[in-house]
Amino acid sequence: MVLEIKLGDVVRLKKVHPCGSYEWQVVRLGADIGIKCLQCGRRVLLERSVFERRVKEFVSRGD
């Protein structure tokens, strides 16, 4: 199953970021998904398959 991912989506991941936040915003789409931590601003690139495994839920949907 393929997740419908849009720019601006806010997702909750299964594991906590070292800064203490679970929530990330999608900032880049493609073969890799770019996400930004909403607490500390750290940006990370994940392969699409890895991203889909780590997503727990969508907090809000982007445009």
Protein backbone atom coordinates (compact mmCIF):
# COMPACT_ATOMS: atom_id res chain seq x y z
CA MET A 1 0.00 0.00 0.00
CA VAL A 2 1.32 3.44 -0.96
CA LEU A 3 0.81 6.38 1.39
CA GLU A 4 -0.58 9.60 -0.08
CA ILE A 5 1.99 12.16 1.05
CA LYS A 6 1.72 15.90 0.37
CA LEU A 7 3.99 18.85 1.06
CA GLY A 8 3.16 20.40 4.42
CA ASP A 9 1.82 17.19 6.00
CA VAL A 10 2.63 16.89 9.69
CA VAL A 11 3.34 13.29 10.69
CA ARG A 12 4.02 11.52 13.97
CA LEU A 13 6.84 8.97 13.80
CA LYS A 14 7.12 5.82 15.90
CA LYS A 15 10.38 6.80 17.60
CA VAL A 16 11.12 10.02 19.45
CA HIS A 17 13.73 12.45 18.09
CA PRO A 18 16.62 13.15 20.52
CA CYS A 19 15.18 16.65 21.11
CA GLY A 20 11.99 15.04 22.49
CA SER A 21 9.59 15.62 19.59
CA TYR A 22 7.58 13.02 17.65
CA GLU A 23 6.16 15.42 15.05
CA TRP A 24 7.73 16.21 11.67
CA GLN A 25 6.66 18.29 8.65
CA VAL A 26 7.13 17.01 5.09
CA VAL A 27 9.26 19.55 3.16
CA ARG A 28 10.42 17.52 0.12
CA LEU A 29 8.85 14.80 -2.03
CA GLY A 30 10.41 12.39 -4.50
CA ALA A 31 12.29 9.11 -4.20
CA ASP A 32 13.48 10.49 -0.86
CA ILE A 33 11.19 12.27 1.59
CA GLY A 34 12.53 15.37 3.32
CA ILE A 35 11.16 16.01 6.81
CA LYS A 36 11.76 18.79 9.35
CA CYS A 37 11.46 18.40 13.12
CA LEU A 38 8.84 20.82 14.44
CA GLN A 39 10.65 21.34 17.75
CA CYS A 40 14.32 21.84 16.85
CA GLY A 41 14.15 22.44 13.08
CA ARG A 42 16.49 19.57 12.12
CA ARG A 43 16.05 18.39 8.51
CA VAL A 44 16.42 14.73 7.52
CA LEU A 45 16.14 12.86 4.21
CA LEU A 46 14.62 9.37 4.36
CA GLU A 47 14.03 6.87 1.58
CA ARG A 48 10.31 6.62 0.80
CA SER A 49 10.12 2.99 1.96
CA VAL A 50 11.82 3.82 5.28
CA PHE A 51 9.55 6.85 5.78
CA GLU A 52 6.41 4.76 5.20
CA ARG A 53 7.53 2.20 7.79
CA ARG A 54 8.29 4.87 10.42
CA VAL A 55 5.07 6.89 10.13
CA LYS A 56 2.63 6.21 12.93
CA GLU A 57 -0.10 8.71 12.01
CA PHE A 58 -0.87 11.96 10.20
CA VAL A 59 -1.40 14.86 12.62
CA SER A 60 -2.54 17.28 9.89
CA ARG A 61 -2.63 17.26 6.11
CA GLY A 62 -0.92 19.84 3.89
CA ASP A 63 -2.20 21.43 0.71
